[in-house]
C-alpha atoms as a PDB file:
ATOM      1  CA  MET A   1     109.050   9.590 106.607  1.00  0.00           C
ATOM      2  CA  PRO A   2     111.004  10.993 108.926  1.00  0.00           C
ATOM      3  CA  SER A   3     110.422  14.824 109.734  1.00  0.00           C
ATOM      4  CA  GLN A   4     114.276  16.168 109.082  1.00  0.00           C
ATOM      5  CA  LEU A   5     116.792  14.612 106.203  1.00  0.00           C
ATOM      6  CA  PRO A   6     120.455  15.469 106.125  1.00  0.00           C
ATOM      7  CA  PRO A   7     121.639  17.660 103.226  1.00  0.00           C
ATOM      8  CA  GLU A   8     123.450  14.487 101.806  1.00  0.00           C
ATOM      9  CA  ALA A   9     119.856  12.277 101.714  1.00  0.00           C
ATOM     10  CA  PRO A  10     119.323  10.721  98.570  1.00  0.00           C
ATOM     11  CA  ALA A  11     117.133  12.827  96.276  1.00  0.00           C
ATOM     12  CA  LEU A  12     114.244  10.827  95.194  1.00  0.00           C
ATOM     13  CA  VAL A  13     113.447  10.898  91.423  1.00  0.00           C
ATOM     14  CA  LEU A  14     110.511  10.384  90.111  1.00  0.00           C
ATOM     15  CA  ALA A  15     110.785   8.589  86.664  1.00  0.00           C
ATOM     16  CA  ALA A  16     107.656   9.341  84.221  1.00  0.00           C
ATOM     17  CA  LEU A  17     106.533   7.604  80.857  1.00  0.00           C
ATOM     18  CA  GLY A  18     105.939  10.093  78.468  1.00  0.00           C
ATOM     19  CA  ASP A  19     107.153  13.140  79.302  1.00  0.00           C
ATOM     20  CA  ALA A  20     106.929  15.299  82.591  1.00  0.00           C
ATOM     21  CA  SER A  21     103.968  17.556  82.389  1.00  0.00           C
ATOM     22  CA  GLY A  22     100.492  16.771  83.874  1.00  0.00           C
ATOM     23  CA  THR A  23     100.128  13.899  86.078  1.00  0.00           C
ATOM     24  CA  ALA A  24     103.857  13.270  87.077  1.00  0.00           C
ATOM     25  CA  ALA A  25     104.083  16.606  87.036  1.00  0.00           C
ATOM     26  CA  GLU A  26     100.973  17.265  89.684  1.00  0.00           C
ATOM     27  CA  LEU A  27     102.563  14.558  91.489  1.00  0.00           C
ATOM     28  CA  ALA A  28     105.770  15.958  92.000  1.00  0.00           C
ATOM     29  CA  ALA A  29     103.959  18.886  93.409  1.00  0.00           C
ATOM     30  CA  LEU A  30     101.963  16.984  96.053  1.00  0.00           C
ATOM     31  CA  ILE A  31     105.005  15.002  97.108  1.00  0.00           C
ATOM     32  CA  ARG A  32     107.225  18.109  97.229  1.00  0.00           C
ATOM     33  CA  GLY A  33     104.028  19.842  99.252  1.00  0.00           C
ATOM     34  CA  ASP A  34     103.788  17.170 101.817  1.00  0.00           C
ATOM     35  CA  ASN A  35     107.242  16.382 102.147  1.00  0.00           C
ATOM     36  CA  PRO A  36     109.159  19.450 102.176  1.00  0.00           C
ATOM     37  CA  GLN A  37     112.345  18.056 103.716  1.00  0.00           C
ATOM     38  CA  ILE A  38     113.249  15.645 100.445  1.00  0.00           C
ATOM     39  CA  GLN A  39     114.447  16.839  97.708  1.00  0.00           C
ATOM     40  CA  VAL A  40     112.245  15.392  94.636  1.00  0.00           C
ATOM     41  CA  ARG A  41     113.224  15.254  91.089  1.00  0.00           C
ATOM     42  CA  LEU A  42     111.145  14.548  87.485  1.00  0.00           C
ATOM     43  CA  ALA A  43     112.351  13.086  84.810  1.00  0.00           C
ATOM     44  CA  ALA A  44     110.747  11.896  82.011  1.00  0.00           C
ATOM     45  CA  LEU A  45     111.802   8.991  80.515  1.00  0.00           C
ATOM     46  CA  GLY A  46     110.904   9.730  77.198  1.00  0.00           C
ATOM     47  CA  GLU A  47     112.011   7.282  73.985  1.00  0.00           C
ATOM     48  CA  ASP A  48     115.641   7.008  75.469  1.00  0.00           C
ATOM     49  CA  GLY A  49     116.161   7.576  78.916  1.00  0.00           C
ATOM     50  CA  LYS A  50     118.390  10.083  78.996  1.00  0.00           C
ATOM     51  CA  GLU A  51     116.597  13.007  81.067  1.00  0.00           C
ATOM     52  CA  LEU A  52     116.829  10.088  83.848  1.00  0.00           C
ATOM     53  CA  THR A  53     120.275   9.963  83.434  1.00  0.00           C
ATOM     54  CA  SER A  54     121.239  13.427  83.470  1.00  0.00           C
ATOM     55  CA  GLU A  55     118.896  14.063  86.850  1.00  0.00           C
ATOM     56  CA  LEU A  56     120.855  10.996  88.303  1.00  0.00           C
ATOM     57  CA  GLU A  57     124.250  12.984  87.535  1.00  0.00           C
ATOM     58  CA  ALA A  58     122.532  16.190  88.942  1.00  0.00           C
ATOM     59  CA  ALA A  59     121.738  14.436  92.161  1.00  0.00           C
ATOM     60  CA  ALA A  60     125.245  13.019  92.661  1.00  0.00           C
ATOM     61  CA  ARG A  61     127.160  16.262  91.809  1.00  0.00           C
ATOM     62  CA  GLU A  62     125.338  17.921  95.310  1.00  0.00           C
ATOM     63  CA  ARG A  63     126.125  14.610  97.549  1.00  0.00           C
ATOM     64  CA  PRO A  64     129.220  13.396  98.683  1.00  0.00           C
ATOM     65  CA  GLU A  65     130.996  10.758  96.326  1.00  0.00           C
ATOM     66  CA  ASP A  66     130.416   7.525  98.604  1.00  0.00           C
ATOM     67  CA  ALA A  67     126.541   8.696  99.175  1.00  0.00           C
ATOM     68  CA  THR A  68     123.773   7.218  98.060  1.00  0.00           C
ATOM     69  CA  ALA A  69     122.615  10.295  94.899  1.00  0.00           C
ATOM     70  CA  ALA A  70     119.065   8.958  94.409  1.00  0.00           C
ATOM     71  CA  ILE A  71     116.325   6.497  95.357  1.00  0.00           C
ATOM     72  CA  VAL A  72     114.513   6.236  91.762  1.00  0.00           C
ATOM     73  CA  VAL A  73     110.709   5.301  91.918  1.00  0.00           C
ATOM     74  CA  PRO A  74     108.903   4.846  88.764  1.00  0.00           C
ATOM     75  CA  LEU A  75     105.606   6.181  88.706  1.00  0.00           C
ATOM     76  CA  LEU A  76     103.823   3.225  87.633  1.00  0.00           C
ATOM     77  CA  THR A  77     101.077   0.793  89.232  1.00  0.00           C
ATOM     78  CA  GLY A  78     102.907  -2.493  88.082  1.00  0.00           C
ATOM     79  CA  PRO A  79     105.353  -3.889  85.780  1.00  0.00           C
ATOM     80  CA  HIS A  80     105.793  -1.989  82.596  1.00  0.00           C
ATOM     81  CA  PRO A  81     108.362  -3.696  80.136  1.00  0.00           C
ATOM     82  CA  VAL A  82     109.079  -0.125  78.298  1.00  0.00           C
ATOM     83  CA  ALA A  83     109.407   1.859  81.598  1.00  0.00           C
ATOM     84  CA  ASP A  84     111.463  -1.293  82.979  1.00  0.00           C
ATOM     85  CA  ARG A  85     114.052  -1.418  80.639  1.00  0.00           C
ATOM     86  CA  LEU A  86     114.468   2.637  80.261  1.00  0.00           C
ATOM     87  CA  ILE A  87     115.076   3.132  83.781  1.00  0.00           C
ATOM     88  CA  ALA A  88     117.746   0.248  83.877  1.00  0.00           C
ATOM     89  CA  ALA A  89     119.389   1.861  81.174  1.00  0.00           C
ATOM     90  CA  ALA A  90     119.443   5.341  82.811  1.00  0.00           C
ATOM     91  CA  VAL A  91     120.688   4.190  85.769  1.00  0.00           C
ATOM     92  CA  ALA A  92     123.389   2.296  84.022  1.00  0.00           C
ATOM     93  CA  ALA A  93     124.329   4.909  81.859  1.00  0.00           C
ATOM     94  CA  GLY A  94     124.531   7.179  84.788  1.00  0.00           C
ATOM     95  CA  LYS A  95     127.160   5.070  86.688  1.00  0.00           C
ATOM     96  CA  VAL A  96     126.210   6.805  89.463  1.00  0.00           C
ATOM     97  CA  SER A  97     124.955   5.088  92.974  1.00  0.00           C
ATOM     98  CA  VAL A  98     121.504   4.763  92.600  1.00  0.00           C
ATOM     99  CA  THR A  99     118.643   2.543  93.661  1.00  0.00           C
ATOM    100  CA  VAL A 100     114.951   1.725  92.193  1.00  0.00           C
ATOM    101  CA  THR A 101     112.154   0.969  94.095  1.00  0.00           C
ATOM    102  CA  ASP A 102     109.651  -1.617  93.380  1.00  0.00           C
ATOM    103  CA  PRO A 103     106.503  -0.346  91.107  1.00  0.00           C
ATOM    104  CA  LEU A 104     103.544   1.583  93.446  1.00  0.00           C
ATOM    105  CA  GLY A 105     101.744  -1.810  93.600  1.00  0.00           C
ATOM    106  CA  PRO A 106     100.585  -3.784  95.198  1.00  0.00           C
ATOM    107  CA  HIS A 107      99.406  -2.198  98.175  1.00  0.00           C
ATOM    108  CA  PRO A 108      96.077  -1.170 100.467  1.00  0.00           C
ATOM    109  CA  LEU A 109      96.359   2.535  99.342  1.00  0.00           C
ATOM    110  CA  LEU A 110      96.131   1.604  96.133  1.00  0.00           C
ATOM    111  CA  ALA A 111      93.075  -0.139  95.993  1.00  0.00           C
ATOM    112  CA  GLU A 112      91.553   2.799  98.442  1.00  0.00           C
ATOM    113  CA  ALA A 113      92.352   4.815  95.416  1.00  0.00           C
ATOM    114  CA  LEU A 114      90.736   2.416  92.685  1.00  0.00           C
ATOM    115  CA  HIS A 115      87.472   2.579  95.415  1.00  0.00           C
ATOM    116  CA  ILE A 116      87.585   6.209  95.370  1.00  0.00           C
ATOM    117  CA  ARG A 117      87.679   6.682  91.612  1.00  0.00           C
ATOM    118  CA  LEU A 118      84.981   4.005  91.292  1.00  0.00           C
ATOM    119  CA  SER A 119      82.559   6.058  93.823  1.00  0.00           C
ATOM    120  CA  GLU A 120      83.407   9.697  91.744  1.00  0.00           C
ATOM    121  CA  ARG A 121      81.559   7.813  89.262  1.00  0.00           C
ATOM    122  CA  SER A 122      78.516   6.433  91.286  1.00  0.00           C
ATOM    123  CA  LEU A 123      80.245   3.102  90.456  1.00  0.00           C
ATOM    124  CA  ALA A 124      80.992   2.033  94.240  1.00  0.00           C
ATOM    125  CA  ARG A 125      79.708   3.701  97.358  1.00  0.00           C
ATOM    126  CA  ALA A 126      81.427   4.456 100.511  1.00  0.00           C
ATOM    127  CA  ASP A 127      80.868   5.389 103.768  1.00  0.00           C
ATOM    128  CA  ARG A 128      82.471   8.755 104.483  1.00  0.00           C
ATOM    129  CA  MET A 129      84.067   7.135 107.507  1.00  0.00           C
ATOM    130  CA  ARG A 130      85.958   4.065 106.415  1.00  0.00           C
ATOM    131  CA  LEU A 131      85.891   3.789 102.663  1.00  0.00           C
ATOM    132  CA  LEU A 132      83.690   0.275 102.837  1.00  0.00           C
ATOM    133  CA  ASN A 133      81.153  -0.546 100.359  1.00  0.00           C
ATOM    134  CA  VAL A 134      77.711  -0.091 101.741  1.00  0.00           C
ATOM    135  CA  SER A 135      75.972  -1.044  98.516  1.00  0.00           C
ATOM    136  CA  SER A 136      77.019  -1.529  95.127  1.00  0.00           C
ATOM    137  CA  PRO A 137      75.652  -0.240  92.003  1.00  0.00           C
ATOM    138  CA  VAL A 138      77.593  -2.711  89.857  1.00  0.00           C
ATOM    139  CA  ASP A 139      77.591  -6.630  90.532  1.00  0.00           C
ATOM    140  CA  ALA A 140      81.187  -6.582  89.727  1.00  0.00           C
ATOM    141  CA  VAL A 141      84.944  -5.106  88.840  1.00  0.00           C
ATOM    142  CA  ILE A 142      87.494  -5.389  86.570  1.00  0.00           C
ATOM    143  CA  LEU A 143      90.512  -4.273  87.247  1.00  0.00           C
ATOM    144  CA  ALA A 144      92.298  -3.385  83.844  1.00  0.00           C
ATOM    145  CA  THR A 145      96.218  -2.901  83.785  1.00  0.00           C
ATOM    146  CA  VAL A 146      98.643  -2.377  81.260  1.00  0.00           C
ATOM    147  CA  GLY A 147     102.410  -3.514  80.864  1.00  0.00           C
ATOM    148  CA  GLY A 148     101.668  -7.126  79.630  1.00  0.00           C
ATOM    149  CA  GLU A 149     100.999 -10.129  81.742  1.00  0.00           C
ATOM    150  CA  ALA A 150     103.470  -9.674  84.140  1.00  0.00           C
ATOM    151  CA  ALA A 151     101.522  -6.804  85.363  1.00  0.00           C
ATOM    152  CA  ALA A 152      98.509  -8.509  85.212  1.00  0.00           C
ATOM    153  CA  ALA A 153      99.336 -11.019  87.565  1.00  0.00           C
ATOM    154  CA  GLU A 154     101.058  -8.580  90.091  1.00  0.00           C
ATOM    155  CA  ALA A 155      97.638  -7.077  90.003  1.00  0.00           C
ATOM    156  CA  GLN A 156      96.033  -9.963  91.877  1.00  0.00           C
ATOM    157  CA  PRO A 157      96.836  -9.207  95.290  1.00  0.00           C
ATOM    158  CA  THR A 158      95.418  -5.703  94.921  1.00  0.00           C
ATOM    159  CA  ALA A 159      92.231  -7.035  92.955  1.00  0.00           C
ATOM    160  CA  VAL A 160      91.675  -9.409  96.441  1.00  0.00           C
ATOM    161  CA  LEU A 161      92.280  -5.998  97.947  1.00  0.00           C
ATOM    162  CA  LEU A 162      89.589  -4.162  96.262  1.00  0.00           C
ATOM    163  CA  ALA A 163      87.298  -6.896  96.203  1.00  0.00           C
ATOM    164  CA  SER A 164      87.265  -7.033 100.362  1.00  0.00           C
ATOM    165  CA  ARG A 165      86.619  -3.108 100.268  1.00  0.00           C
ATOM    166  CA  LEU A 166      83.803  -3.682  97.793  1.00  0.00           C
ATOM    167  CA  THR A 167      82.153  -6.970  98.829  1.00  0.00           C
ATOM    168  CA  LEU A 168      81.926  -7.822  95.430  1.00  0.00           C
ATOM    169  CA  PRO A 169      84.223  -9.993  92.469  1.00  0.00           C
ATOM    170  CA  VAL A 170      86.981  -8.069  90.866  1.00  0.00           C
ATOM    171  CA  LEU A 171      88.988  -9.986  88.678  1.00  0.00           C
ATOM    172  CA  VAL A 172      92.123  -8.518  86.901  1.00  0.00           C
ATOM    173  CA  ALA A 173      92.530  -7.975  82.928  1.00  0.00           C
ATOM    174  CA  SER A 174      94.965  -6.500  80.558  1.00  0.00           C
ATOM    175  CA  LEU A 175      94.359  -3.673  78.285  1.00  0.00           C
ATOM    176  CA  ASP A 176      97.708  -4.575  76.230  1.00  0.00           C
ATOM    177  CA  SER A 177      97.739  -8.286  76.497  1.00  0.00           C
ATOM    178  CA  ALA A 178      96.090 -11.100  78.007  1.00  0.00           C
ATOM    179  CA  PRO A 179      94.038 -12.043  79.995  1.00  0.00           C
ATOM    180  CA  ALA A 180      91.565  -9.992  77.906  1.00  0.00           C
ATOM    181  CA  VAL A 181      89.108  -7.522  79.092  1.00  0.00           C
ATOM    182  CA  ALA A 182      86.025  -9.311  76.879  1.00  0.00           C
ATOM    183  CA  ASP A 183      87.613 -12.565  78.631  1.00  0.00           C
ATOM    184  CA  ALA A 184      87.068 -11.147  81.976  1.00  0.00           C
ATOM    185  CA  ALA A 185      83.453  -9.811  81.606  1.00  0.00           C
ATOM    186  CA  GLY A 186      82.351 -13.197  79.804  1.00  0.00           C
ATOM    187  CA  ARG A 187      83.383 -15.058  83.396  1.00  0.00           C
ATOM    188  CA  LEU A 188      81.682 -12.965  85.709  1.00  0.00           C
ATOM    189  CA  ARG A 189      78.388 -12.892  83.400  1.00  0.00           C
ATOM    190  CA  ASP A 190      78.536 -16.467  83.819  1.00  0.00           C
ATOM    191  CA  ILE A 191      78.995 -16.301  86.920  1.00  0.00           C
ATOM    192  CA  GLY A 192      75.424 -13.621  86.912  1.00  0.00           C
ATOM    193  CA  ALA A 193      77.177 -10.532  87.245  1.00  0.00           C
ATOM    194  CA  GLN A 194      74.970  -8.009  85.004  1.00  0.00           C
ATOM    195  CA  ARG A 195      76.124  -4.573  85.815  1.00  0.00           C
ATOM    196  CA  ILE A 196      79.987  -4.456  85.675  1.00  0.00           C
ATOM    197  CA  ALA A 197      82.240  -1.627  86.022  1.00  0.00           C
ATOM    198  CA  LEU A 198      86.302  -1.351  84.777  1.00  0.00           C
ATOM    199  CA  SER A 199      88.430   0.107  87.212  1.00  0.00           C
ATOM    200  CA  PRO A 200      92.012   1.104  85.376  1.00  0.00           C
ATOM    201  CA  CYS A 201      94.802   0.396  87.432  1.00  0.00           C
ATOM    202  CA  VAL A 202      96.838   3.010  85.707  1.00  0.00           C
ATOM    203  CA  LEU A 203      98.399   6.555  86.017  1.00  0.00           C
ATOM    204  CA  GLY A 204      97.104   7.853  82.669  1.00  0.00           C
ATOM    205  CA  PRO A 205     100.274   8.269  80.817  1.00  0.00           C
ATOM    206  CA  GLU A 206     101.200   4.445  80.657  1.00  0.00           C
ATOM    207  CA  ALA A 207      98.323   3.994  78.816  1.00  0.00           C
ATOM    208  CA  PRO A 208      96.806   6.184  75.378  1.00  0.00           C
ATOM    209  CA  PRO A 209      93.820   8.371  76.226  1.00  0.00           C
ATOM    210  CA  GLY A 210      90.557   7.224  75.589  1.00  0.00           C
ATOM    211  CA  LEU A 211      91.649   3.344  75.705  1.00  0.00           C
ATOM    212  CA  ALA A 212      90.102   2.111  78.743  1.00  0.00           C
ATOM    213  CA  SER A 213      86.794   3.846  78.144  1.00  0.00           C
ATOM    214  CA  ALA A 214      86.646   2.146  74.658  1.00  0.00           C
ATOM    215  CA  ALA A 215      87.850  -1.412  75.965  1.00  0.00           C
ATOM    216  CA  ALA A 216      84.805  -0.743  78.828  1.00  0.00           C
ATOM    217  CA  GLU A 217      82.575   0.348  75.985  1.00  0.00           C
ATOM    218  CA  GLU A 218      83.230  -3.009  73.587  1.00  0.00           C
ATOM    219  CA  ILE A 219      81.876  -5.264  76.960  1.00  0.00           C
ATOM    220  CA  GLY A 220      79.180  -2.522  77.451  1.00  0.00           C
ATOM    221  CA  ALA A 221      80.522  -1.711  81.287  1.00  0.00           C
ATOM    222  CA  GLU A 222      81.004   1.824  82.839  1.00  0.00           C
ATOM    223  CA  CYS A 223      84.544   3.243  83.380  1.00  0.00           C
ATOM    224  CA  ALA A 224      85.908   4.751  86.277  1.00  0.00           C
ATOM    225  CA  ASP A 225      88.508   7.670  86.074  1.00  0.00           C
ATOM    226  CA  VAL A 226      92.318   6.754  85.701  1.00  0.00           C
ATOM    227  CA  LEU A 227      94.307   7.307  89.045  1.00  0.00           C
ATOM    228  CA  GLY A 228      95.974  10.313  87.994  1.00  0.00           C
ATOM    229  CA  ALA A 229      97.587  12.217  90.442  1.00  0.00           C
ATOM    230  CA  HIS A 230      95.754  11.328  93.344  1.00  0.00           C
ATOM    231  CA  ASP A 231      97.038  12.323  96.861  1.00  0.00           C
ATOM    232  CA  LEU A 232      97.335   9.011  97.650  1.00  0.00           C
ATOM    233  CA  ILE A 233      99.486   7.817  94.679  1.00  0.00           C
ATOM    234  CA  ALA A 234     101.767  10.649  95.713  1.00  0.00           C
ATOM    235  CA  ASP A 235     101.707   8.961  99.252  1.00  0.00           C
ATOM    236  CA  LEU A 236     102.457   5.746  98.241  1.00  0.00           C
ATOM    237  CA  ALA A 237     105.945   7.078  96.001  1.00  0.00           C
ATOM    238  CA  ALA A 238     106.454   9.104  99.401  1.00  0.00           C
ATOM    239  CA  ARG A 239     106.278   5.595 101.358  1.00  0.00           C
ATOM    240  CA  ALA A 240     108.695   3.974  98.614  1.00  0.00           C
ATOM    241  CA  TYR A 241     111.226   6.047  99.258  1.00  0.00           C
ATOM    242  CA  GLY A 242     111.013   5.942 102.742  1.00  0.00           C
ATOM    243  CA  SER A 243     111.385   2.512 102.747  1.00  0.00           C
ATOM    244  CA  ILE A 244     114.332   2.621 101.273  1.00  0.00           C
ATOM    245  CA  LEU A 245     115.932   4.832 103.554  1.00  0.00           C
ATOM    246  CA  SER A 246     114.204   2.744 106.834  1.00  0.00           C
ATOM    247  CA  ALA A 247     116.315   0.169 105.014  1.00  0.00           C
ATOM    248  CA  ASP A 248     119.611   1.311 104.792  1.00  0.00           C
END
């Protein structure tokens, strides 16, 4: 990320499912604190995406007519049909020059954040220098997504990265579609894994509270916390913005 940006540089508009409080607001604050040269805006998608349209139009009013008004970064780890539809509709309604980035995953930093959340619940051990597993309290991990089968498919590279960090089997399952968490647990137990941990690959607002922990309880597994407003997630959002700038 450049240390300085011209006044006409696009705004970074974070698009959040639900409202603009909690995790989304905390992530916006982290990004602003680490990147004061960026104008960071936060828009809740709500039920109609109108707040995002308003933020895009406001950003456009502060920039030259021929400039890109904003770079929209979805606060999501992967595809999400509802959010994707709302973002597309909001951008179309705004009728301003906007670029929408891909979701935040897959990415090595996402795998690192998942590893940290597991270690915080004593479901993975990590050395302080490299955050690599040195001995494990579990035999395998289920990486749980939301957003349907497309989100589960897109999470496969992150699962591979997490498996490499943990030196353990990691399977992807979905909390809201196939492949089911129970099926993943069955496959892992078929290869001898008895102690299984569930790692929610969600920031939080994408899933109803308690959905991941309930899925873990059903299969007799322990559950890590959702990713939430981790500083690595804020870094990923800033990197997504910066990658668009560097490509122009």
